[in-house]
Amino acid sequence: MPEKLKDVLKGEKGQPWTINEDVVSKLHTWMLPAWEIAQELNNDQLPPLNRSLAVPTWHYGHEPFTPFATHVAKYFLNSTREDVLLALASCGIVYSEGRGGTIQEVFQDAAQVYYRGEDDPPTSMLFLDSKFWTMPEAPDGKLHMPVMDLLQQLFVGTKNMTEEEYKRYVRLVDDADEVVKIIIENAPPADKVVKNLATVRISGIDPKLMAERAATFVSKRRK
């Protein structure tokens, strides 16, 4: 680790703070495989069809964004960033293990799904790692965030969704390929996606071209 990371730095009001080397080491270990894969990719492997957008915030400046993002939109206000992030996710959101921020996003997204337009279908809420998102009968000593029962009461208990809709759009998943399959199956039409993007002032997108690229992506996955 570079020596400068061990220096004492001055925080607000002159209060000293230091780098937590244990956290840096763990973060490096966690991020390194993704960075190595990203470095191996070249422009030929990242055509427009495969480009992606990361939406982090300066509010949590210590949190790194995904190395696989080809574009970055970083917001100063986390509340604005959260709203834009959910609006961009026209085809649904995949939730993996998290803490306060992730739980906030779960229920902020649930509110948007709950108050969707009268003619709009739900968007997918997929929870990766079923053990984390449910409370097991026999506690295993690990942290769990059992949100599924509450979401079922919110959507099915209030008749916001039918039982069939809930089972289709709000699901526990343990396989990444299955996640992609469900997102594709539940994706709204391209013109609906373009309409959602317009709400956050992203315009000039051709829905026909978007539909063609989406079809190309699906066909490549099926080969």
C-alpha atoms as a PDB file:
ATOM      1  CA  MET A   1       0.000   0.000   0.000  1.00  0.00           C
ATOM      2  CA  PRO A   2       1.438   3.439  -0.876  1.00  0.00           C
ATOM      3  CA  GLU A   3       2.944   5.222   2.110  1.00  0.00           C
ATOM      4  CA  LYS A   4       0.751   8.298   1.575  1.00  0.00           C
ATOM      5  CA  LEU A   5      -2.345   6.294   2.450  1.00  0.00           C
ATOM      6  CA  LYS A   6      -0.969   5.930   5.960  1.00  0.00           C
ATOM      7  CA  ASP A   7      -0.631   9.671   6.495  1.00  0.00           C
ATOM      8  CA  VAL A   8      -2.950  11.420   8.903  1.00  0.00           C
ATOM      9  CA  LEU A   9      -5.292  13.688   6.989  1.00  0.00           C
ATOM     10  CA  LYS A  10      -7.293  16.632   8.238  1.00  0.00           C
ATOM     11  CA  GLY A  11     -11.069  16.377   8.170  1.00  0.00           C
ATOM     12  CA  GLU A  12     -13.698  19.005   8.861  1.00  0.00           C
ATOM     13  CA  LYS A  13     -13.049  21.410  11.743  1.00  0.00           C
ATOM     14  CA  GLY A  14      -9.481  20.210  11.952  1.00  0.00           C
ATOM     15  CA  GLN A  15     -10.404  16.744  13.203  1.00  0.00           C
ATOM     16  CA  PRO A  16      -7.842  14.144  12.099  1.00  0.00           C
ATOM     17  CA  TRP A  17      -8.847  10.960  10.377  1.00  0.00           C
ATOM     18  CA  THR A  18      -6.874   8.052   9.025  1.00  0.00           C
ATOM     19  CA  ILE A  19      -7.287   5.471   6.296  1.00  0.00           C
ATOM     20  CA  ASN A  20      -8.674   2.176   7.561  1.00  0.00           C
ATOM     21  CA  GLU A  21      -6.237  -0.208   5.914  1.00  0.00           C
ATOM     22  CA  ASP A  22      -8.346  -3.273   6.696  1.00  0.00           C
ATOM     23  CA  VAL A  23     -11.301  -1.798   4.799  1.00  0.00           C
ATOM     24  CA  VAL A  24      -9.080  -0.770   1.871  1.00  0.00           C
ATOM     25  CA  SER A  25      -7.592  -4.267   1.717  1.00  0.00           C
ATOM     26  CA  LYS A  26     -11.024  -5.928   1.720  1.00  0.00           C
ATOM     27  CA  LEU A  27     -12.313  -3.507  -0.908  1.00  0.00           C
ATOM     28  CA  HIS A  28      -9.292  -4.197  -3.114  1.00  0.00           C
ATOM     29  CA  THR A  29      -9.811  -7.956  -2.838  1.00  0.00           C
ATOM     30  CA  TRP A  30     -13.523  -7.611  -3.623  1.00  0.00           C
ATOM     31  CA  MET A  31     -13.066  -5.269  -6.617  1.00  0.00           C
ATOM     32  CA  LEU A  32      -9.911  -6.711  -8.183  1.00  0.00           C
ATOM     33  CA  PRO A  33     -11.519  -9.550 -10.231  1.00  0.00           C
ATOM     34  CA  ALA A  34     -13.989  -7.125 -11.810  1.00  0.00           C
ATOM     35  CA  TRP A  35     -11.252  -4.596 -12.619  1.00  0.00           C
ATOM     36  CA  GLU A  36      -9.112  -7.310 -14.212  1.00  0.00           C
ATOM     37  CA  ILE A  37     -11.996  -8.422 -16.443  1.00  0.00           C
ATOM     38  CA  ALA A  38     -12.797  -4.808 -17.339  1.00  0.00           C
ATOM     39  CA  GLN A  39      -9.163  -4.173 -18.302  1.00  0.00           C
ATOM     40  CA  GLU A  40      -9.192  -7.191 -20.611  1.00  0.00           C
ATOM     41  CA  LEU A  41     -12.174  -5.857 -22.531  1.00  0.00           C
ATOM     42  CA  ASN A  42     -11.467  -3.576 -25.479  1.00  0.00           C
ATOM     43  CA  ASN A  43     -13.640  -1.263 -27.532  1.00  0.00           C
ATOM     44  CA  ASP A  44     -14.481  -4.037 -29.979  1.00  0.00           C
ATOM     45  CA  GLN A  45     -16.098  -5.961 -27.127  1.00  0.00           C
ATOM     46  CA  LEU A  46     -18.057  -2.942 -25.886  1.00  0.00           C
ATOM     47  CA  PRO A  47     -20.157  -1.770 -28.840  1.00  0.00           C
ATOM     48  CA  PRO A  48     -23.090   0.596 -28.152  1.00  0.00           C
ATOM     49  CA  LEU A  49     -25.357  -2.387 -27.510  1.00  0.00           C
ATOM     50  CA  ASN A  50     -23.229  -3.430 -24.530  1.00  0.00           C
ATOM     51  CA  ARG A  51     -22.662  -0.031 -22.933  1.00  0.00           C
ATOM     52  CA  SER A  52     -23.971   0.673 -19.471  1.00  0.00           C
ATOM     53  CA  LEU A  53     -24.511   3.584 -17.113  1.00  0.00           C
ATOM     54  CA  ALA A  54     -23.453   3.810 -13.464  1.00  0.00           C
ATOM     55  CA  VAL A  55     -25.407   6.242 -11.270  1.00  0.00           C
ATOM     56  CA  PRO A  56     -23.425   6.856  -8.059  1.00  0.00           C
ATOM     57  CA  THR A  57     -23.511   9.872  -5.738  1.00  0.00           C
ATOM     58  CA  TRP A  58     -20.946  12.203  -4.233  1.00  0.00           C
ATOM     59  CA  HIS A  59     -22.881  11.923  -0.960  1.00  0.00           C
ATOM     60  CA  TYR A  60     -21.333   8.483  -0.475  1.00  0.00           C
ATOM     61  CA  GLY A  61     -18.057   9.306  -2.162  1.00  0.00           C
ATOM     62  CA  HIS A  62     -16.264   6.369  -0.597  1.00  0.00           C
ATOM     63  CA  GLU A  63     -18.438   3.834  -2.419  1.00  0.00           C
ATOM     64  CA  PRO A  64     -16.961   2.697  -5.764  1.00  0.00           C
ATOM     65  CA  PHE A  65     -19.137   2.213  -8.815  1.00  0.00           C
ATOM     66  CA  THR A  66     -19.041  -0.883 -10.999  1.00  0.00           C
ATOM     67  CA  PRO A  67     -15.892  -1.261 -13.127  1.00  0.00           C
ATOM     68  CA  PHE A  68     -18.081  -2.490 -15.995  1.00  0.00           C
ATOM     69  CA  ALA A  69     -19.845   0.845 -16.477  1.00  0.00           C
ATOM     70  CA  THR A  70     -18.908   2.566 -19.721  1.00  0.00           C
ATOM     71  CA  HIS A  71     -20.601   5.827 -18.677  1.00  0.00           C
ATOM     72  CA  VAL A  72     -21.046   7.504 -15.294  1.00  0.00           C
ATOM     73  CA  ALA A  73     -23.671  10.002 -14.073  1.00  0.00           C
ATOM     74  CA  LYS A  74     -22.657  11.122 -10.578  1.00  0.00           C
ATOM     75  CA  TYR A  75     -25.122  13.203  -8.571  1.00  0.00           C
ATOM     76  CA  PHE A  76     -24.433  15.568  -5.695  1.00  0.00           C
ATOM     77  CA  LEU A  77     -27.759  14.883  -3.971  1.00  0.00           C
ATOM     78  CA  ASN A  78     -28.403  11.243  -3.161  1.00  0.00           C
ATOM     79  CA  SER A  79     -32.189  11.783  -3.110  1.00  0.00           C
ATOM     80  CA  THR A  80     -32.065  13.005  -6.725  1.00  0.00           C
ATOM     81  CA  ARG A  81     -29.781  10.159  -7.685  1.00  0.00           C
ATOM     82  CA  GLU A  82     -32.154   7.571  -6.153  1.00  0.00           C
ATOM     83  CA  ASP A  83     -35.156   8.971  -8.015  1.00  0.00           C
ATOM     84  CA  VAL A  84     -33.299   9.025 -11.342  1.00  0.00           C
ATOM     85  CA  LEU A  85     -31.876   5.546 -10.772  1.00  0.00           C
ATOM     86  CA  LEU A  86     -35.339   4.064 -10.257  1.00  0.00           C
ATOM     87  CA  ALA A  87     -36.769   5.974 -13.215  1.00  0.00           C
ATOM     88  CA  LEU A  88     -34.029   4.616 -15.484  1.00  0.00           C
ATOM     89  CA  ALA A  89     -34.730   1.038 -14.412  1.00  0.00           C
ATOM     90  CA  SER A  90     -37.655   0.595 -16.789  1.00  0.00           C
ATOM     91  CA  CYS A  91     -37.184  -3.170 -17.013  1.00  0.00           C
ATOM     92  CA  GLY A  92     -36.843  -3.794 -13.293  1.00  0.00           C
ATOM     93  CA  ILE A  93     -34.235  -3.919 -10.548  1.00  0.00           C
ATOM     94  CA  VAL A  94     -32.107  -6.733  -9.176  1.00  0.00           C
ATOM     95  CA  TYR A  95     -31.360  -6.494  -5.446  1.00  0.00           C
ATOM     96  CA  SER A  96     -28.351  -8.233  -3.953  1.00  0.00           C
ATOM     97  CA  GLU A  97     -27.232  -8.246  -0.323  1.00  0.00           C
ATOM     98  CA  GLY A  98     -27.099  -4.765   1.155  1.00  0.00           C
ATOM     99  CA  ARG A  99     -27.854  -2.634   4.165  1.00  0.00           C
ATOM    100  CA  GLY A 100     -29.615   0.697   4.763  1.00  0.00           C
ATOM    101  CA  GLY A 101     -29.285   2.145   1.262  1.00  0.00           C
ATOM    102  CA  THR A 102     -30.413  -1.084  -0.402  1.00  0.00           C
ATOM    103  CA  ILE A 103     -33.437  -1.424   1.881  1.00  0.00           C
ATOM    104  CA  GLN A 104     -34.340   2.192   1.124  1.00  0.00           C
ATOM    105  CA  GLU A 105     -34.200   1.447  -2.599  1.00  0.00           C
ATOM    106  CA  VAL A 106     -36.353  -1.670  -2.186  1.00  0.00           C
ATOM    107  CA  PHE A 107     -39.225   0.280  -0.666  1.00  0.00           C
ATOM    108  CA  GLN A 108     -38.713   3.395  -2.769  1.00  0.00           C
ATOM    109  CA  ASP A 109     -39.037   1.150  -5.818  1.00  0.00           C
ATOM    110  CA  ALA A 110     -42.006  -0.627  -4.214  1.00  0.00           C
ATOM    111  CA  ALA A 111     -43.741   2.759  -3.878  1.00  0.00           C
ATOM    112  CA  GLN A 112     -43.165   3.522  -7.570  1.00  0.00           C
ATOM    113  CA  VAL A 113     -44.483   0.098  -8.565  1.00  0.00           C
ATOM    114  CA  TYR A 114     -47.463   0.487  -6.231  1.00  0.00           C
ATOM    115  CA  TYR A 115     -48.398   3.896  -7.655  1.00  0.00           C
ATOM    116  CA  ARG A 116     -47.746   2.958 -11.283  1.00  0.00           C
ATOM    117  CA  GLY A 117     -50.076   4.159 -14.015  1.00  0.00           C
ATOM    118  CA  GLU A 118     -53.444   2.475 -14.332  1.00  0.00           C
ATOM    119  CA  ASP A 119     -52.503   0.820 -17.624  1.00  0.00           C
ATOM    120  CA  ASP A 120     -48.872   0.139 -16.722  1.00  0.00           C
ATOM    121  CA  PRO A 121     -47.758  -3.376 -15.760  1.00  0.00           C
ATOM    122  CA  PRO A 122     -45.492  -3.800 -12.717  1.00  0.00           C
ATOM    123  CA  THR A 123     -41.729  -3.708 -13.219  1.00  0.00           C
ATOM    124  CA  SER A 124     -39.655  -6.615 -11.964  1.00  0.00           C
ATOM    125  CA  MET A 125     -38.294  -6.621  -8.415  1.00  0.00           C
ATOM    126  CA  LEU A 126     -35.832  -9.517  -8.280  1.00  0.00           C
ATOM    127  CA  PHE A 127     -34.066 -10.511  -5.068  1.00  0.00           C
ATOM    128  CA  LEU A 128     -30.799 -12.337  -5.665  1.00  0.00           C
ATOM    129  CA  ASP A 129     -29.911 -14.840  -2.901  1.00  0.00           C
ATOM    130  CA  SER A 130     -33.161 -16.130  -1.471  1.00  0.00           C
ATOM    131  CA  LYS A 131     -31.598 -16.935   1.915  1.00  0.00           C
ATOM    132  CA  PHE A 132     -30.636 -13.313   2.516  1.00  0.00           C
ATOM    133  CA  TRP A 133     -34.079 -11.943   1.636  1.00  0.00           C
ATOM    134  CA  THR A 134     -36.078 -14.450   3.709  1.00  0.00           C
ATOM    135  CA  MET A 135     -35.931 -15.494   7.336  1.00  0.00           C
ATOM    136  CA  PRO A 136     -35.029 -19.201   7.528  1.00  0.00           C
ATOM    137  CA  GLU A 137     -36.849 -21.487   9.933  1.00  0.00           C
ATOM    138  CA  ALA A 138     -33.575 -22.292  11.648  1.00  0.00           C
ATOM    139  CA  PRO A 139     -31.396 -19.187  12.137  1.00  0.00           C
ATOM    140  CA  ASP A 140     -27.953 -19.698  10.609  1.00  0.00           C
ATOM    141  CA  GLY A 141     -26.221 -16.901  12.488  1.00  0.00           C
ATOM    142  CA  LYS A 142     -26.064 -14.708   9.387  1.00  0.00           C
ATOM    143  CA  LEU A 143     -27.779 -11.420   8.659  1.00  0.00           C
ATOM    144  CA  HIS A 144     -31.126 -11.577   6.845  1.00  0.00           C
ATOM    145  CA  MET A 145     -33.484  -8.927   5.469  1.00  0.00           C
ATOM    146  CA  PRO A 146     -36.891 -10.674   5.235  1.00  0.00           C
ATOM    147  CA  VAL A 147     -38.736  -8.212   2.995  1.00  0.00           C
ATOM    148  CA  MET A 148     -40.839 -10.630   0.973  1.00  0.00           C
ATOM    149  CA  ASP A 149     -43.768 -11.047   3.388  1.00  0.00           C
ATOM    150  CA  LEU A 150     -44.144  -7.286   3.705  1.00  0.00           C
ATOM    151  CA  LEU A 151     -44.027  -6.811  -0.073  1.00  0.00           C
ATOM    152  CA  GLN A 152     -46.667  -9.489  -0.554  1.00  0.00           C
ATOM    153  CA  GLN A 153     -48.937  -7.731   1.917  1.00  0.00           C
ATOM    154  CA  LEU A 154     -48.306  -4.399   0.177  1.00  0.00           C
ATOM    155  CA  PHE A 155     -49.042  -5.667  -3.324  1.00  0.00           C
ATOM    156  CA  VAL A 156     -51.360  -8.679  -2.968  1.00  0.00           C
ATOM    157  CA  GLY A 157     -52.936  -7.877   0.390  1.00  0.00           C
ATOM    158  CA  THR A 158     -54.109  -4.488  -0.889  1.00  0.00           C
ATOM    159  CA  LYS A 159     -55.165  -5.975  -4.261  1.00  0.00           C
ATOM    160  CA  ASN A 160     -52.609  -3.763  -6.040  1.00  0.00           C
ATOM    161  CA  MET A 161     -51.486  -6.928  -7.849  1.00  0.00           C
ATOM    162  CA  THR A 162     -53.037 -10.297  -8.395  1.00  0.00           C
ATOM    163  CA  GLU A 163     -51.272 -13.296  -6.907  1.00  0.00           C
ATOM    164  CA  GLU A 164     -50.169 -14.275 -10.425  1.00  0.00           C
ATOM    165  CA  GLU A 165     -48.686 -10.814 -11.095  1.00  0.00           C
ATOM    166  CA  TYR A 166     -46.841 -10.863  -7.792  1.00  0.00           C
ATOM    167  CA  LYS A 167     -45.295 -14.273  -8.520  1.00  0.00           C
ATOM    168  CA  ARG A 168     -44.229 -13.043 -11.956  1.00  0.00           C
ATOM    169  CA  TYR A 169     -42.746  -9.668 -11.036  1.00  0.00           C
ATOM    170  CA  VAL A 170     -41.589  -9.954  -7.392  1.00  0.00           C
ATOM    171  CA  ARG A 171     -39.332 -12.973  -7.121  1.00  0.00           C
ATOM    172  CA  LEU A 172     -36.523 -14.627  -5.226  1.00  0.00           C
ATOM    173  CA  VAL A 173     -33.747 -15.782  -7.565  1.00  0.00           C
ATOM    174  CA  ASP A 174     -30.525 -17.668  -6.905  1.00  0.00           C
ATOM    175  CA  ASP A 175     -29.072 -17.802 -10.412  1.00  0.00           C
ATOM    176  CA  ALA A 176     -27.753 -14.817 -12.386  1.00  0.00           C
ATOM    177  CA  ASP A 177     -28.788 -16.297 -15.741  1.00  0.00           C
ATOM    178  CA  GLU A 178     -32.308 -16.746 -14.422  1.00  0.00           C
ATOM    179  CA  VAL A 179     -32.319 -13.069 -13.437  1.00  0.00           C
ATOM    180  CA  VAL A 180     -31.505 -12.008 -17.014  1.00  0.00           C
ATOM    181  CA  LYS A 181     -34.162 -14.367 -18.376  1.00  0.00           C
ATOM    182  CA  ILE A 182     -36.858 -12.912 -16.117  1.00  0.00           C
ATOM    183  CA  ILE A 183     -35.858  -9.314 -16.919  1.00  0.00           C
ATOM    184  CA  ILE A 184     -36.165 -10.075 -20.637  1.00  0.00           C
ATOM    185  CA  GLU A 185     -39.496 -11.875 -20.250  1.00  0.00           C
ATOM    186  CA  ASN A 186     -41.016  -9.035 -18.214  1.00  0.00           C
ATOM    187  CA  ALA A 187     -39.522  -6.130 -20.155  1.00  0.00           C
ATOM    188  CA  PRO A 188     -42.019  -3.460 -21.302  1.00  0.00           C
ATOM    189  CA  PRO A 189     -42.253  -2.313 -24.935  1.00  0.00           C
ATOM    190  CA  ALA A 190     -39.508   0.001 -26.199  1.00  0.00           C
ATOM    191  CA  ASP A 191     -41.835   2.993 -26.462  1.00  0.00           C
ATOM    192  CA  LYS A 192     -42.668   2.631 -22.768  1.00  0.00           C
ATOM    193  CA  VAL A 193     -38.962   2.636 -21.900  1.00  0.00           C
ATOM    194  CA  VAL A 194     -38.437   5.788 -23.978  1.00  0.00           C
ATOM    195  CA  LYS A 195     -41.357   7.439 -22.184  1.00  0.00           C
ATOM    196  CA  ASN A 196     -39.821   6.611 -18.789  1.00  0.00           C
ATOM    197  CA  LEU A 197     -36.461   8.046 -19.856  1.00  0.00           C
ATOM    198  CA  ALA A 198     -38.176  11.251 -20.925  1.00  0.00           C
ATOM    199  CA  THR A 199     -39.313  11.797 -17.324  1.00  0.00           C
ATOM    200  CA  VAL A 200     -35.673  12.342 -16.361  1.00  0.00           C
ATOM    201  CA  ARG A 201     -35.039  14.475 -19.470  1.00  0.00           C
ATOM    202  CA  ILE A 202     -33.273  11.818 -21.523  1.00  0.00           C
ATOM    203  CA  SER A 203     -34.603  12.415 -25.021  1.00  0.00           C
ATOM    204  CA  GLY A 204     -33.749  11.829 -28.667  1.00  0.00           C
ATOM    205  CA  ILE A 205     -33.972   8.030 -28.368  1.00  0.00           C
ATOM    206  CA  ASP A 206     -35.513   6.167 -31.297  1.00  0.00           C
ATOM    207  CA  PRO A 207     -37.920   3.523 -29.873  1.00  0.00           C
ATOM    208  CA  LYS A 208     -37.718   1.504 -33.088  1.00  0.00           C
ATOM    209  CA  LEU A 209     -33.920   1.350 -32.915  1.00  0.00           C
ATOM    210  CA  MET A 210     -34.105   0.482 -29.204  1.00  0.00           C
ATOM    211  CA  ALA A 211     -36.505  -2.372 -29.965  1.00  0.00           C
ATOM    212  CA  GLU A 212     -34.188  -3.673 -32.698  1.00  0.00           C
ATOM    213  CA  ARG A 213     -31.173  -3.622 -30.376  1.00  0.00           C
ATOM    214  CA  ALA A 214     -33.133  -5.323 -27.625  1.00  0.00           C
ATOM    215  CA  ALA A 215     -34.153  -8.044 -30.085  1.00  0.00           C
ATOM    216  CA  THR A 216     -30.510  -8.444 -31.119  1.00  0.00           C
ATOM    217  CA  PHE A 217     -29.463  -8.828 -27.484  1.00  0.00           C
ATOM    218  CA  VAL A 218     -32.140 -11.467 -26.838  1.00  0.00           C
ATOM    219  CA  SER A 219     -31.274 -13.435 -29.966  1.00  0.00           C
ATOM    220  CA  LYS A 220     -27.593 -13.509 -29.047  1.00  0.00           C
ATOM    221  CA  ARG A 221     -28.400 -14.885 -25.598  1.00  0.00           C
ATOM    222  CA  ARG A 222     -30.520 -17.642 -27.087  1.00  0.00           C
ATOM    223  CA  LYS A 223     -27.764 -18.910 -29.387  1.00  0.00           C
END
